[in-house]
Amino acid sequence: MISVAIQDKAGKEVGKYEFEATELAGGINRQLLHDVVVMYEANKRIGSSKTKTRGEVRGSTAKLYRQKGTGRARAGSSRTPVRRGGGHTFAKRPKDWSYRLPKKAVKLATRMAILSKFEDEQVTLIDELAMEVPKTKEVTSVLKALGLSETSCLLTIDQHDPVVWKSARNIEKVQVSPAADLNAYDVLHQRQMVLTKSALDRLLGRAED
C-alpha cells in the first residue's frame, strides 16, 4: 500500500491518498526503463550532419598540371580529398536515428517510471491547481510553498490546461504535462513529480469523465 499526503497550494496537508502499487505496475523492470529512455534519446537526435564528397565540392575536374616533367608529385584535380578544400573521402550522410519499441512496452515503462517516483518519495501530491488567468507568479509561489523552487519538476495535471501551461512555461526546470501525455523519459528526467489529485485519479483509472 502506498500512502501519499495531499497538500494544498499553501503547502499544508489536507488529507491522504492511498492506493495499491499494483494499480500502476506489477513491478519495476530497470532494463525496460533503460531501453525506453534510450529510445526517446535516440528519437531526439537530429542526424542532419553532412559533408561533401569530391564529387560535390565546387571546382574543376581538370588535372592541375601535366603528369611528367615538372619535378613535382603527380596530381589530379583540386577536389581530391588530400588537398585543402577538397571533398571528404568518407563523407557524412544524413541519418535517421529514430526507432520505436512496442507500444505496450512503452506504456508499461511509463507506469513503472511513475511507480519508481513514488517508491523513491519523489512525488508531491496537491489537491488542485486551477487558475483563471495565466500568472507565472502564482505557480512560482505554489512551488515555493511546496519546497520545490530549486528542484526540477514535472507538473502533471488531469487534462491539457492552457492557463496552467502559460503560467509555468517561463519557469526554469519546470515542465507541464497532462496525465495522458506522460512518458518514461519525462518522468525520469525531472527530479520531482508534482501531481494533482485528479491527475493521479486519471492514472489509476479512477477518474470520472
N, C-alpha and C. Protein backbone atom coordinates (compact mmCIF):
# COMPACT_ATOMS: atom_id res chain seq x y z
N MET A 1 0.84 -1.20 0.00
CA MET A 1 0.00 0.00 0.00
C MET A 1 0.88 1.25 0.00
N ILE A 2 0.59 2.16 -0.90
CA ILE A 2 1.31 3.42 -0.97
C ILE A 2 0.41 4.53 -0.44
N SER A 3 0.91 5.31 0.50
CA SER A 3 0.16 6.41 1.08
C SER A 3 0.92 7.71 0.86
N VAL A 4 0.22 8.70 0.28
CA VAL A 4 0.84 9.98 -0.02
C VAL A 4 0.00 11.10 0.59
N ALA A 5 0.68 12.08 1.16
CA ALA A 5 -0.03 13.22 1.74
C ALA A 5 -0.51 14.15 0.63
N ILE A 6 -1.74 14.63 0.78
CA ILE A 6 -2.30 15.60 -0.16
C ILE A 6 -2.11 16.99 0.44
N GLN A 7 -1.50 17.89 -0.34
CA GLN A 7 -1.25 19.25 0.14
C GLN A 7 -2.05 20.26 -0.69
N ASP A 8 -2.28 21.41 -0.08
CA ASP A 8 -2.93 22.49 -0.82
C ASP A 8 -1.88 23.42 -1.39
N LYS A 9 -2.31 24.52 -2.00
CA LYS A 9 -1.37 25.44 -2.64
C LYS A 9 -0.44 26.12 -1.64
N ALA A 10 -0.84 26.13 -0.38
CA ALA A 10 -0.01 26.76 0.64
C ALA A 10 0.97 25.77 1.27
N GLY A 11 0.93 24.52 0.83
CA GLY A 11 1.84 23.51 1.36
C GLY A 11 1.35 22.82 2.61
N LYS A 12 0.08 23.04 2.99
CA LYS A 12 -0.48 22.41 4.19
C LYS A 12 -1.14 21.07 3.82
N GLU A 13 -0.95 20.09 4.69
CA GLU A 13 -1.53 18.77 4.45
C GLU A 13 -3.04 18.82 4.67
N VAL A 14 -3.79 18.35 3.68
CA VAL A 14 -5.25 18.39 3.78
C VAL A 14 -5.88 16.99 3.68
N GLY A 15 -5.04 15.97 3.60
CA GLY A 15 -5.59 14.61 3.51
C GLY A 15 -4.54 13.60 3.10
N LYS A 16 -5.00 12.38 2.89
CA LYS A 16 -4.12 11.28 2.47
C LYS A 16 -4.71 10.61 1.23
N TYR A 17 -3.83 10.10 0.40
CA TYR A 17 -4.25 9.36 -0.80
C TYR A 17 -3.57 8.00 -0.74
N GLU A 18 -4.37 6.94 -0.76
CA GLU A 18 -3.82 5.59 -0.67
C GLU A 18 -4.23 4.76 -1.88
N PHE A 19 -3.30 3.95 -2.34
CA PHE A 19 -3.58 3.04 -3.45
C PHE A 19 -2.57 1.91 -3.44
N GLU A 20 -2.91 0.83 -4.10
CA GLU A 20 -2.01 -0.31 -4.21
C GLU A 20 -1.00 -0.06 -5.33
N ALA A 21 0.25 -0.46 -5.11
CA ALA A 21 1.29 -0.27 -6.12
C ALA A 21 0.95 -1.00 -7.42
N THR A 22 0.23 -2.11 -7.30
CA THR A 22 -0.12 -2.90 -8.49
C THR A 22 -1.11 -2.16 -9.39
N GLU A 23 -1.75 -1.10 -8.89
CA GLU A 23 -2.64 -0.32 -9.74
C GLU A 23 -1.86 0.45 -10.80
N LEU A 24 -0.58 0.69 -10.52
CA LEU A 24 0.28 1.34 -11.51
C LEU A 24 1.04 0.31 -12.34
N ALA A 25 1.74 -0.58 -11.65
CA ALA A 25 2.52 -1.61 -12.35
C ALA A 25 2.80 -2.76 -11.39
N GLY A 26 3.02 -3.91 -11.96
CA GLY A 26 3.29 -5.09 -11.14
C GLY A 26 4.67 -5.08 -10.52
N GLY A 27 5.55 -4.26 -11.02
CA GLY A 27 6.92 -4.15 -10.51
C GLY A 27 7.70 -3.19 -11.39
N ILE A 28 8.99 -3.09 -11.13
CA ILE A 28 9.85 -2.19 -11.89
C ILE A 28 10.93 -2.99 -12.60
N ASN A 29 10.92 -2.97 -13.90
CA ASN A 29 11.92 -3.64 -14.73
C ASN A 29 12.92 -2.57 -15.20
N ARG A 30 14.08 -2.52 -14.56
CA ARG A 30 15.05 -1.47 -14.87
C ARG A 30 15.59 -1.58 -16.30
N GLN A 31 15.67 -2.79 -16.81
CA GLN A 31 16.16 -2.94 -18.18
C GLN A 31 15.17 -2.35 -19.18
N LEU A 32 13.88 -2.57 -18.93
CA LEU A 32 12.86 -1.98 -19.80
C LEU A 32 12.90 -0.46 -19.73
N LEU A 33 13.04 0.08 -18.53
CA LEU A 33 13.13 1.53 -18.38
C LEU A 33 14.34 2.08 -19.14
N HIS A 34 15.45 1.39 -19.03
CA HIS A 34 16.66 1.82 -19.75
C HIS A 34 16.44 1.80 -21.25
N ASP A 35 15.85 0.73 -21.75
CA ASP A 35 15.63 0.60 -23.20
C ASP A 35 14.71 1.70 -23.73
N VAL A 36 13.67 2.03 -22.96
CA VAL A 36 12.72 3.05 -23.41
C VAL A 36 13.35 4.44 -23.36
N VAL A 37 14.13 4.72 -22.32
CA VAL A 37 14.80 6.02 -22.23
C VAL A 37 15.80 6.19 -23.38
N VAL A 38 16.54 5.13 -23.70
CA VAL A 38 17.48 5.19 -24.82
C VAL A 38 16.73 5.44 -26.12
N MET A 39 15.54 4.84 -26.26
CA MET A 39 14.74 5.05 -27.47
C MET A 39 14.35 6.52 -27.61
N TYR A 40 13.87 7.13 -26.51
CA TYR A 40 13.47 8.54 -26.57
C TYR A 40 14.67 9.43 -26.88
N GLU A 41 15.83 9.12 -26.30
CA GLU A 41 17.02 9.93 -26.57
C GLU A 41 17.46 9.78 -28.02
N ALA A 42 17.36 8.57 -28.56
CA ALA A 42 17.71 8.36 -29.97
C ALA A 42 16.76 9.12 -30.88
N ASN A 43 15.48 9.16 -30.51
CA ASN A 43 14.49 9.86 -31.33
C ASN A 43 14.68 11.37 -31.30
N LYS A 44 15.39 11.86 -30.29
CA LYS A 44 15.65 13.30 -30.21
C LYS A 44 16.84 13.72 -31.09
N ARG A 45 17.63 12.76 -31.52
CA ARG A 45 18.79 13.08 -32.36
C ARG A 45 18.32 13.58 -33.72
N ILE A 46 18.94 14.65 -34.19
CA ILE A 46 18.53 15.25 -35.46
C ILE A 46 19.11 14.47 -36.64
N GLY A 47 20.38 14.12 -36.55
CA GLY A 47 21.00 13.33 -37.62
C GLY A 47 21.10 14.06 -38.94
N SER A 48 21.31 15.37 -38.92
CA SER A 48 21.34 16.16 -40.15
C SER A 48 22.75 16.52 -40.60
N SER A 49 23.80 16.03 -39.90
CA SER A 49 25.17 16.36 -40.27
C SER A 49 25.50 15.79 -41.65
N LYS A 50 26.19 16.58 -42.44
CA LYS A 50 26.51 16.16 -43.80
C LYS A 50 27.77 16.88 -44.27
N THR A 51 28.68 16.13 -44.91
CA THR A 51 29.85 16.74 -45.55
C THR A 51 29.88 16.32 -47.01
N LYS A 52 30.67 17.02 -47.79
CA LYS A 52 30.66 16.80 -49.24
C LYS A 52 31.75 15.82 -49.68
N THR A 53 31.41 15.02 -50.65
CA THR A 53 32.39 14.15 -51.28
C THR A 53 33.13 14.95 -52.34
N ARG A 54 34.14 14.35 -52.98
CA ARG A 54 34.88 15.05 -54.03
C ARG A 54 34.00 15.37 -55.24
N GLY A 55 32.92 14.64 -55.37
CA GLY A 55 32.01 14.90 -56.49
C GLY A 55 31.04 16.03 -56.21
N GLU A 56 30.99 16.50 -54.94
CA GLU A 56 30.03 17.54 -54.57
C GLU A 56 30.67 18.90 -54.34
N VAL A 57 31.98 18.94 -54.08
CA VAL A 57 32.61 20.23 -53.83
C VAL A 57 32.76 21.01 -55.14
N ARG A 58 32.86 22.31 -54.99
CA ARG A 58 32.97 23.16 -56.17
C ARG A 58 34.41 23.19 -56.67
N GLY A 59 34.58 23.14 -57.98
CA GLY A 59 35.92 23.20 -58.55
C GLY A 59 36.01 22.42 -59.84
N SER A 60 37.09 22.65 -60.57
CA SER A 60 37.29 21.98 -61.85
C SER A 60 37.73 20.53 -61.65
N THR A 61 37.36 19.71 -62.61
CA THR A 61 37.80 18.31 -62.59
C THR A 61 39.07 18.11 -63.41
N ALA A 62 39.60 19.19 -63.95
CA ALA A 62 40.79 19.09 -64.79
C ALA A 62 42.03 18.78 -63.96
N LYS A 63 42.97 18.11 -64.57
CA LYS A 63 44.23 17.81 -63.91
C LYS A 63 44.98 19.12 -63.66
N LEU A 64 45.56 19.28 -62.46
CA LEU A 64 46.17 20.55 -62.07
C LEU A 64 47.36 20.92 -62.97
N TYR A 65 48.20 19.95 -63.29
CA TYR A 65 49.32 20.18 -64.20
C TYR A 65 49.71 18.84 -64.82
N ARG A 66 50.56 18.89 -65.82
CA ARG A 66 50.87 17.67 -66.56
C ARG A 66 51.54 16.62 -65.67
N GLN A 67 51.45 15.40 -66.12
CA GLN A 67 51.89 14.27 -65.31
C GLN A 67 53.41 14.28 -65.09
N LYS A 68 54.17 14.55 -66.13
CA LYS A 68 55.62 14.42 -66.03
C LYS A 68 56.33 15.73 -66.42
N GLY A 69 57.55 15.82 -65.98
CA GLY A 69 58.40 16.92 -66.41
C GLY A 69 58.37 18.14 -65.52
N THR A 70 57.57 18.15 -64.46
CA THR A 70 57.50 19.34 -63.59
C THR A 70 58.40 19.21 -62.37
N GLY A 71 58.82 18.02 -62.06
CA GLY A 71 59.63 17.81 -60.86
C GLY A 71 58.81 17.66 -59.60
N ARG A 72 57.52 17.78 -59.72
CA ARG A 72 56.63 17.62 -58.55
C ARG A 72 55.90 16.30 -58.61
N ALA A 73 55.27 15.95 -57.49
CA ALA A 73 54.50 14.70 -57.45
C ALA A 73 53.28 14.85 -58.36
N ARG A 74 52.91 13.77 -58.98
CA ARG A 74 51.75 13.82 -59.86
C ARG A 74 50.49 14.20 -59.06
N ALA A 75 49.59 14.88 -59.69
CA ALA A 75 48.39 15.35 -59.00
C ALA A 75 47.19 15.29 -59.94
N GLY A 76 46.03 15.06 -59.35
CA GLY A 76 44.79 15.05 -60.12
C GLY A 76 44.10 16.39 -60.01
N SER A 77 42.78 16.36 -59.77
CA SER A 77 42.02 17.61 -59.69
C SER A 77 42.14 18.24 -58.31
N SER A 78 41.69 19.48 -58.20
CA SER A 78 41.76 20.20 -56.92
C SER A 78 40.71 19.70 -55.92
N ARG A 79 39.80 18.85 -56.38
CA ARG A 79 38.72 18.37 -55.49
C ARG A 79 39.09 17.08 -54.76
N THR A 80 40.31 16.61 -54.99
CA THR A 80 40.73 15.38 -54.33
C THR A 80 40.78 15.55 -52.82
N PRO A 81 40.46 14.52 -52.04
CA PRO A 81 40.43 14.62 -50.57
C PRO A 81 41.76 15.00 -49.92
N VAL A 82 42.88 14.78 -50.60
CA VAL A 82 44.17 15.08 -49.99
C VAL A 82 44.53 16.56 -50.07
N ARG A 83 43.74 17.36 -50.76
CA ARG A 83 44.03 18.79 -50.90
C ARG A 83 43.09 19.63 -50.04
N ARG A 84 43.60 20.77 -49.64
CA ARG A 84 42.78 21.71 -48.86
C ARG A 84 41.59 22.17 -49.70
N GLY A 85 40.39 22.11 -49.12
CA GLY A 85 39.19 22.50 -49.83
C GLY A 85 38.59 21.38 -50.65
N GLY A 86 39.22 20.21 -50.64
CA GLY A 86 38.69 19.09 -51.39
C GLY A 86 37.58 18.38 -50.64
N GLY A 87 37.00 17.38 -51.27
CA GLY A 87 35.92 16.63 -50.63
C GLY A 87 36.43 15.64 -49.60
N HIS A 88 35.51 15.06 -48.84
CA HIS A 88 35.87 14.07 -47.83
C HIS A 88 35.84 12.68 -48.43
N THR A 89 36.82 11.88 -48.02
CA THR A 89 36.88 10.50 -48.52
C THR A 89 35.66 9.71 -48.09
N PHE A 90 35.35 9.79 -46.79
CA PHE A 90 34.16 9.12 -46.25
C PHE A 90 33.22 10.21 -45.71
N ALA A 91 32.51 10.81 -46.61
CA ALA A 91 31.66 11.95 -46.24
C ALA A 91 30.50 11.51 -45.36
N LYS A 92 30.12 12.38 -44.42
CA LYS A 92 28.98 12.11 -43.56
C LYS A 92 27.69 12.28 -44.34
N ARG A 93 26.74 11.41 -44.09
CA ARG A 93 25.43 11.47 -44.74
C ARG A 93 24.35 11.66 -43.68
N PRO A 94 23.27 12.37 -43.98
CA PRO A 94 22.16 12.49 -43.02
C PRO A 94 21.64 11.10 -42.64
N LYS A 95 21.30 10.95 -41.36
CA LYS A 95 20.88 9.64 -40.87
C LYS A 95 19.70 9.79 -39.92
N ASP A 96 18.75 8.91 -40.05
CA ASP A 96 17.59 8.89 -39.16
C ASP A 96 17.86 7.87 -38.05
N TRP A 97 18.01 8.37 -36.81
CA TRP A 97 18.34 7.51 -35.68
C TRP A 97 17.10 6.96 -34.98
N SER A 98 15.92 7.42 -35.35
CA SER A 98 14.71 7.07 -34.61
C SER A 98 14.28 5.63 -34.82
N TYR A 99 13.66 5.08 -33.80
CA TYR A 99 13.06 3.75 -33.87
C TYR A 99 11.99 3.66 -32.79
N ARG A 100 11.18 2.65 -32.86
CA ARG A 100 10.07 2.51 -31.91
C ARG A 100 10.08 1.12 -31.28
N LEU A 101 9.86 1.10 -29.97
CA LEU A 101 9.64 -0.15 -29.26
C LEU A 101 8.14 -0.45 -29.27
N PRO A 102 7.75 -1.66 -28.95
CA PRO A 102 6.31 -1.98 -28.92
C PRO A 102 5.52 -1.03 -28.02
N LYS A 103 4.32 -0.66 -28.44
CA LYS A 103 3.51 0.30 -27.69
C LYS A 103 3.22 -0.17 -26.27
N LYS A 104 2.96 -1.46 -26.12
CA LYS A 104 2.65 -1.98 -24.78
C LYS A 104 3.86 -1.83 -23.86
N ALA A 105 5.07 -2.05 -24.39
CA ALA A 105 6.28 -1.92 -23.59
C ALA A 105 6.50 -0.47 -23.18
N VAL A 106 6.27 0.46 -24.11
CA VAL A 106 6.45 1.89 -23.82
C VAL A 106 5.44 2.35 -22.77
N LYS A 107 4.21 1.91 -22.90
CA LYS A 107 3.16 2.29 -21.94
C LYS A 107 3.46 1.72 -20.55
N LEU A 108 3.91 0.46 -20.51
CA LEU A 108 4.25 -0.16 -19.23
C LEU A 108 5.43 0.54 -18.59
N ALA A 109 6.43 0.93 -19.38
CA ALA A 109 7.59 1.63 -18.85
C ALA A 109 7.20 2.95 -18.21
N THR A 110 6.23 3.64 -18.79
CA THR A 110 5.75 4.91 -18.22
C THR A 110 5.17 4.69 -16.84
N ARG A 111 4.37 3.66 -16.68
CA ARG A 111 3.75 3.38 -15.39
C ARG A 111 4.81 2.91 -14.38
N MET A 112 5.81 2.18 -14.85
CA MET A 112 6.91 1.76 -13.97
C MET A 112 7.70 2.97 -13.50
N ALA A 113 7.92 3.92 -14.41
CA ALA A 113 8.67 5.14 -14.04
C ALA A 113 7.92 5.93 -12.98
N ILE A 114 6.60 6.03 -13.13
CA ILE A 114 5.79 6.74 -12.13
C ILE A 114 5.85 6.02 -10.79
N LEU A 115 5.75 4.68 -10.82
CA LEU A 115 5.83 3.90 -9.58
C LEU A 115 7.18 4.09 -8.90
N SER A 116 8.25 4.17 -9.69
CA SER A 116 9.58 4.37 -9.10
C SER A 116 9.67 5.72 -8.40
N LYS A 117 8.97 6.72 -8.92
CA LYS A 117 8.95 8.04 -8.27
C LYS A 117 8.27 7.96 -6.90
N PHE A 118 7.19 7.20 -6.83
CA PHE A 118 6.51 7.03 -5.54
C PHE A 118 7.40 6.27 -4.56
N GLU A 119 8.07 5.22 -5.04
CA GLU A 119 8.92 4.43 -4.16
C GLU A 119 10.13 5.23 -3.67
N ASP A 120 10.61 6.16 -4.48
CA ASP A 120 11.75 6.99 -4.10
C ASP A 120 11.34 8.26 -3.37
N GLU A 121 10.04 8.39 -3.09
CA GLU A 121 9.48 9.56 -2.38
C GLU A 121 9.82 10.85 -3.12
N GLN A 122 9.64 10.82 -4.42
CA GLN A 122 9.88 12.00 -5.25
C GLN A 122 8.59 12.49 -5.90
N VAL A 123 7.47 12.29 -5.20
CA VAL A 123 6.17 12.72 -5.69
C VAL A 123 5.54 13.67 -4.67
N THR A 124 5.05 14.80 -5.16
CA THR A 124 4.29 15.74 -4.33
C THR A 124 2.87 15.79 -4.89
N LEU A 125 1.90 15.52 -4.03
CA LEU A 125 0.50 15.48 -4.45
C LEU A 125 -0.24 16.70 -3.93
N ILE A 126 -0.88 17.45 -4.84
CA ILE A 126 -1.64 18.62 -4.43
C ILE A 126 -3.11 18.41 -4.79
N ASP A 127 -3.99 19.08 -4.04
CA ASP A 127 -5.42 18.84 -4.23
C ASP A 127 -5.92 19.38 -5.56
N GLU A 128 -5.43 20.57 -5.98
CA GLU A 128 -5.84 21.14 -7.26
C GLU A 128 -4.88 22.24 -7.68
N LEU A 129 -4.93 22.58 -8.95
CA LEU A 129 -4.10 23.67 -9.47
C LEU A 129 -4.90 24.37 -10.56
N ALA A 130 -5.88 25.15 -10.12
CA ALA A 130 -6.76 25.84 -11.07
C ALA A 130 -6.51 27.34 -11.00
N MET A 131 -6.42 27.96 -12.18
CA MET A 131 -6.21 29.40 -12.27
C MET A 131 -7.11 29.99 -13.34
N GLU A 132 -7.56 31.20 -13.12
CA GLU A 132 -8.46 31.85 -14.07
C GLU A 132 -7.70 32.50 -15.21
N VAL A 133 -6.55 33.10 -14.90
CA VAL A 133 -5.74 33.76 -15.93
C VAL A 133 -4.29 33.32 -15.77
N PRO A 134 -3.52 33.32 -16.87
CA PRO A 134 -2.11 32.93 -16.77
C PRO A 134 -1.33 33.88 -15.85
N LYS A 135 -0.65 33.29 -14.89
CA LYS A 135 0.10 34.11 -13.95
C LYS A 135 1.28 33.29 -13.42
N THR A 136 2.47 33.58 -13.92
CA THR A 136 3.66 32.82 -13.54
C THR A 136 3.94 32.93 -12.05
N LYS A 137 3.64 34.10 -11.49
CA LYS A 137 3.92 34.33 -10.07
C LYS A 137 3.15 33.36 -9.19
N GLU A 138 1.94 33.00 -9.60
CA GLU A 138 1.13 32.09 -8.79
C GLU A 138 1.73 30.69 -8.76
N VAL A 139 2.18 30.19 -9.91
CA VAL A 139 2.81 28.87 -9.95
C VAL A 139 4.12 28.89 -9.16
N THR A 140 4.87 29.97 -9.27
CA THR A 140 6.13 30.10 -8.53
C THR A 140 5.89 30.06 -7.03
N SER A 141 4.84 30.73 -6.58
CA SER A 141 4.54 30.75 -5.14
C SER A 141 4.10 29.38 -4.65
N VAL A 142 3.37 28.64 -5.49
CA VAL A 142 2.95 27.28 -5.12
C VAL A 142 4.16 26.37 -4.97
N LEU A 143 5.09 26.44 -5.93
CA LEU A 143 6.29 25.61 -5.87
C LEU A 143 7.15 25.97 -4.65
N LYS A 144 7.18 27.25 -4.33
CA LYS A 144 7.95 27.69 -3.16
C LYS A 144 7.32 27.17 -1.87
N ALA A 145 5.98 27.20 -1.80
CA ALA A 145 5.29 26.70 -0.62
C ALA A 145 5.48 25.19 -0.45
N LEU A 146 5.65 24.49 -1.57
CA LEU A 146 5.86 23.04 -1.52
C LEU A 146 7.33 22.68 -1.32
N GLY A 147 8.20 23.69 -1.31
CA GLY A 147 9.62 23.45 -1.12
C GLY A 147 10.32 22.93 -2.37
N LEU A 148 9.81 23.29 -3.54
CA LEU A 148 10.34 22.77 -4.79
C LEU A 148 10.86 23.87 -5.72
N SER A 149 11.11 25.04 -5.18
CA SER A 149 11.52 26.16 -6.03
C SER A 149 12.90 25.98 -6.64
N GLU A 150 13.74 25.13 -6.03
CA GLU A 150 15.10 24.91 -6.53
C GLU A 150 15.28 23.56 -7.20
N THR A 151 14.17 22.85 -7.43
CA THR A 151 14.23 21.49 -7.96
C THR A 151 13.54 21.42 -9.31
N SER A 152 14.07 20.60 -10.20
CA SER A 152 13.39 20.37 -11.48
C SER A 152 12.11 19.58 -11.23
N CYS A 153 11.02 20.01 -11.86
CA CYS A 153 9.71 19.43 -11.57
C CYS A 153 8.97 19.07 -12.86
N LEU A 154 8.22 18.00 -12.78
CA LEU A 154 7.28 17.64 -13.84
C LEU A 154 5.89 17.86 -13.26
N LEU A 155 5.26 18.94 -13.67
CA LEU A 155 3.94 19.31 -13.16
C LEU A 155 2.88 18.59 -13.99
N THR A 156 2.23 17.62 -13.38
CA THR A 156 1.28 16.77 -14.09
C THR A 156 -0.15 17.14 -13.69
N ILE A 157 -0.95 17.50 -14.70
CA ILE A 157 -2.34 17.87 -14.47
C ILE A 157 -3.27 16.86 -15.14
N ASP A 158 -4.55 16.93 -14.82
CA ASP A 158 -5.50 15.95 -15.32
C ASP A 158 -5.62 16.00 -16.84
N GLN A 159 -5.92 17.18 -17.37
CA GLN A 159 -6.06 17.37 -18.81
C GLN A 159 -5.35 18.65 -19.23
N HIS A 160 -5.17 18.80 -20.53
CA HIS A 160 -4.47 19.99 -21.02
C HIS A 160 -5.17 21.26 -20.58
N ASP A 161 -4.42 22.14 -19.95
CA ASP A 161 -4.94 23.41 -19.46
C ASP A 161 -4.01 24.52 -19.94
N PRO A 162 -4.42 25.29 -20.95
CA PRO A 162 -3.54 26.35 -21.50
C PRO A 162 -3.17 27.41 -20.47
N VAL A 163 -4.04 27.64 -19.50
CA VAL A 163 -3.75 28.66 -18.48
C VAL A 163 -2.58 28.22 -17.61
N VAL A 164 -2.62 26.96 -17.15
CA VAL A 164 -1.53 26.42 -16.33
C VAL A 164 -0.24 26.35 -17.14
N TRP A 165 -0.36 25.92 -18.40
CA TRP A 165 0.83 25.79 -19.24
C TRP A 165 1.50 27.14 -19.47
N LYS A 166 0.70 28.17 -19.77
CA LYS A 166 1.27 29.50 -19.98
C LYS A 166 1.87 30.07 -18.70
N SER A 167 1.30 29.68 -17.56
CA SER A 167 1.80 30.20 -16.28
C SER A 167 3.13 29.59 -15.89
N ALA A 168 3.41 28.38 -16.37
CA ALA A 168 4.63 27.68 -15.95
C ALA A 168 5.71 27.59 -17.01
N ARG A 169 5.39 28.00 -18.25
CA ARG A 169 6.35 27.77 -19.34
C ARG A 169 7.63 28.57 -19.21
N ASN A 170 7.60 29.69 -18.48
CA ASN A 170 8.80 30.52 -18.34
C ASN A 170 9.60 30.21 -17.08
N ILE A 171 9.16 29.22 -16.31
CA ILE A 171 9.87 28.86 -15.08
C ILE A 171 10.94 27.82 -15.42
N GLU A 172 12.15 28.13 -15.05
CA GLU A 172 13.27 27.23 -15.37
C GLU A 172 13.10 25.89 -14.67
N LYS A 173 13.39 24.83 -15.38
CA LYS A 173 13.37 23.44 -14.88
C LYS A 173 11.97 22.96 -14.49
N VAL A 174 10.94 23.58 -15.03
CA VAL A 174 9.57 23.13 -14.77
C VAL A 174 8.92 22.75 -16.10
N GLN A 175 8.35 21.56 -16.15
CA GLN A 175 7.68 21.06 -17.34
C GLN A 175 6.25 20.69 -16.98
N VAL A 176 5.31 21.05 -17.84
CA VAL A 176 3.90 20.76 -17.60
C VAL A 176 3.44 19.68 -18.58
N SER A 177 2.68 18.71 -18.07
CA SER A 177 2.20 17.64 -18.94
C SER A 177 0.87 17.11 -18.44
N PRO A 178 -0.09 16.90 -19.35
CA PRO A 178 -1.33 16.21 -18.96
C PRO A 178 -1.00 14.75 -18.64
N ALA A 179 -1.83 14.13 -17.81
CA ALA A 179 -1.58 12.75 -17.40
C ALA A 179 -1.51 11.80 -18.59
N ALA A 180 -2.33 12.05 -19.61
CA ALA A 180 -2.38 11.15 -20.77
C ALA A 180 -1.13 11.25 -21.64
N ASP A 181 -0.36 12.35 -21.50
CA ASP A 181 0.81 12.55 -22.35
C ASP A 181 2.12 12.19 -21.68
N LEU A 182 2.07 11.62 -20.49
CA LEU A 182 3.29 11.27 -19.78
C LEU A 182 4.06 10.18 -20.51
N ASN A 183 5.37 10.23 -20.39
CA ASN A 183 6.21 9.15 -20.90
C ASN A 183 7.36 8.93 -19.92
N ALA A 184 7.99 7.77 -20.02
CA ALA A 184 9.03 7.38 -19.06
C ALA A 184 10.19 8.36 -19.06
N TYR A 185 10.55 8.89 -20.22
CA TYR A 185 11.69 9.80 -20.31
C TYR A 185 11.44 11.08 -19.51
N ASP A 186 10.27 11.71 -19.71
CA ASP A 186 9.95 12.95 -18.99
C ASP A 186 9.83 12.71 -17.49
N VAL A 187 9.24 11.58 -17.11
CA VAL A 187 9.06 11.28 -15.69
C VAL A 187 10.41 11.13 -14.99
N LEU A 188 11.34 10.41 -15.62
CA LEU A 188 12.64 10.16 -15.00
C LEU A 188 13.60 11.33 -15.16
N HIS A 189 13.37 12.18 -16.15
CA HIS A 189 14.28 13.28 -16.43
C HIS A 189 14.18 14.38 -15.39
N GLN A 190 12.98 14.58 -14.84
CA GLN A 190 12.78 15.62 -13.82
C GLN A 190 12.96 15.00 -12.43
N ARG A 191 13.55 15.78 -11.53
CA ARG A 191 13.85 15.28 -10.19
C ARG A 191 12.58 14.99 -9.39
N GLN A 192 11.63 15.90 -9.42
CA GLN A 192 10.41 15.76 -8.62
C GLN A 192 9.19 15.73 -9.52
N MET A 193 8.21 14.95 -9.14
CA MET A 193 6.96 14.87 -9.88
C MET A 193 5.84 15.48 -9.03
N VAL A 194 5.21 16.51 -9.54
CA VAL A 194 4.10 17.17 -8.85
C VAL A 194 2.81 16.76 -9.53
N LEU A 195 1.96 16.08 -8.80
CA LEU A 195 0.70 15.54 -9.34
C LEU A 195 -0.49 16.22 -8.69
N THR A 196 -1.48 16.55 -9.48
CA THR A 196 -2.75 16.96 -8.89
C THR A 196 -3.53 15.69 -8.55
N LYS A 197 -4.45 15.80 -7.62
CA LYS A 197 -5.23 14.63 -7.21
C LYS A 197 -6.03 14.06 -8.38
N SER A 198 -6.57 14.93 -9.21
CA SER A 198 -7.35 14.47 -10.36
C SER A 198 -6.46 13.77 -11.38
N ALA A 199 -5.19 14.20 -11.50
CA ALA A 199 -4.26 13.55 -12.43
C ALA A 199 -3.92 12.15 -11.96
N LEU A 200 -3.75 11.99 -10.65
CA LEU A 200 -3.48 10.65 -10.11
C LEU A 200 -4.70 9.75 -10.28
N ASP A 201 -5.88 10.32 -10.09
CA ASP A 201 -7.10 9.54 -10.35
C ASP A 201 -7.13 9.05 -11.80
N ARG A 202 -6.69 9.93 -12.71
CA ARG A 202 -6.67 9.58 -14.13
C ARG A 202 -5.69 8.43 -14.39
N LEU A 203 -4.54 8.49 -13.76
CA LEU A 203 -3.52 7.45 -13.96
C LEU A 203 -3.95 6.10 -13.39
N LEU A 204 -4.71 6.15 -12.31
CA LEU A 204 -5.15 4.91 -11.67
C LEU A 204 -6.48 4.42 -12.18
N GLY A 205 -7.06 5.13 -13.15
CA GLY A 205 -8.34 4.72 -13.70
C GLY A 205 -9.52 5.02 -12.80
N ARG A 206 -9.35 5.99 -11.91
CA ARG A 206 -10.45 6.33 -11.00
C ARG A 206 -11.17 7.60 -11.42
N ALA A 207 -10.74 8.22 -12.50
CA ALA A 207 -11.33 9.48 -12.93
C ALA A 207 -12.74 9.24 -13.46
N GLU A 208 -13.61 10.20 -13.19
CA GLU A 208 -14.99 10.14 -13.66
C GLU A 208 -15.16 11.17 -14.77
N ASP A 209 -15.23 10.72 -16.00
CA ASP A 209 -15.39 11.63 -17.15
C ASP A 209 -16.84 12.04 -17.32
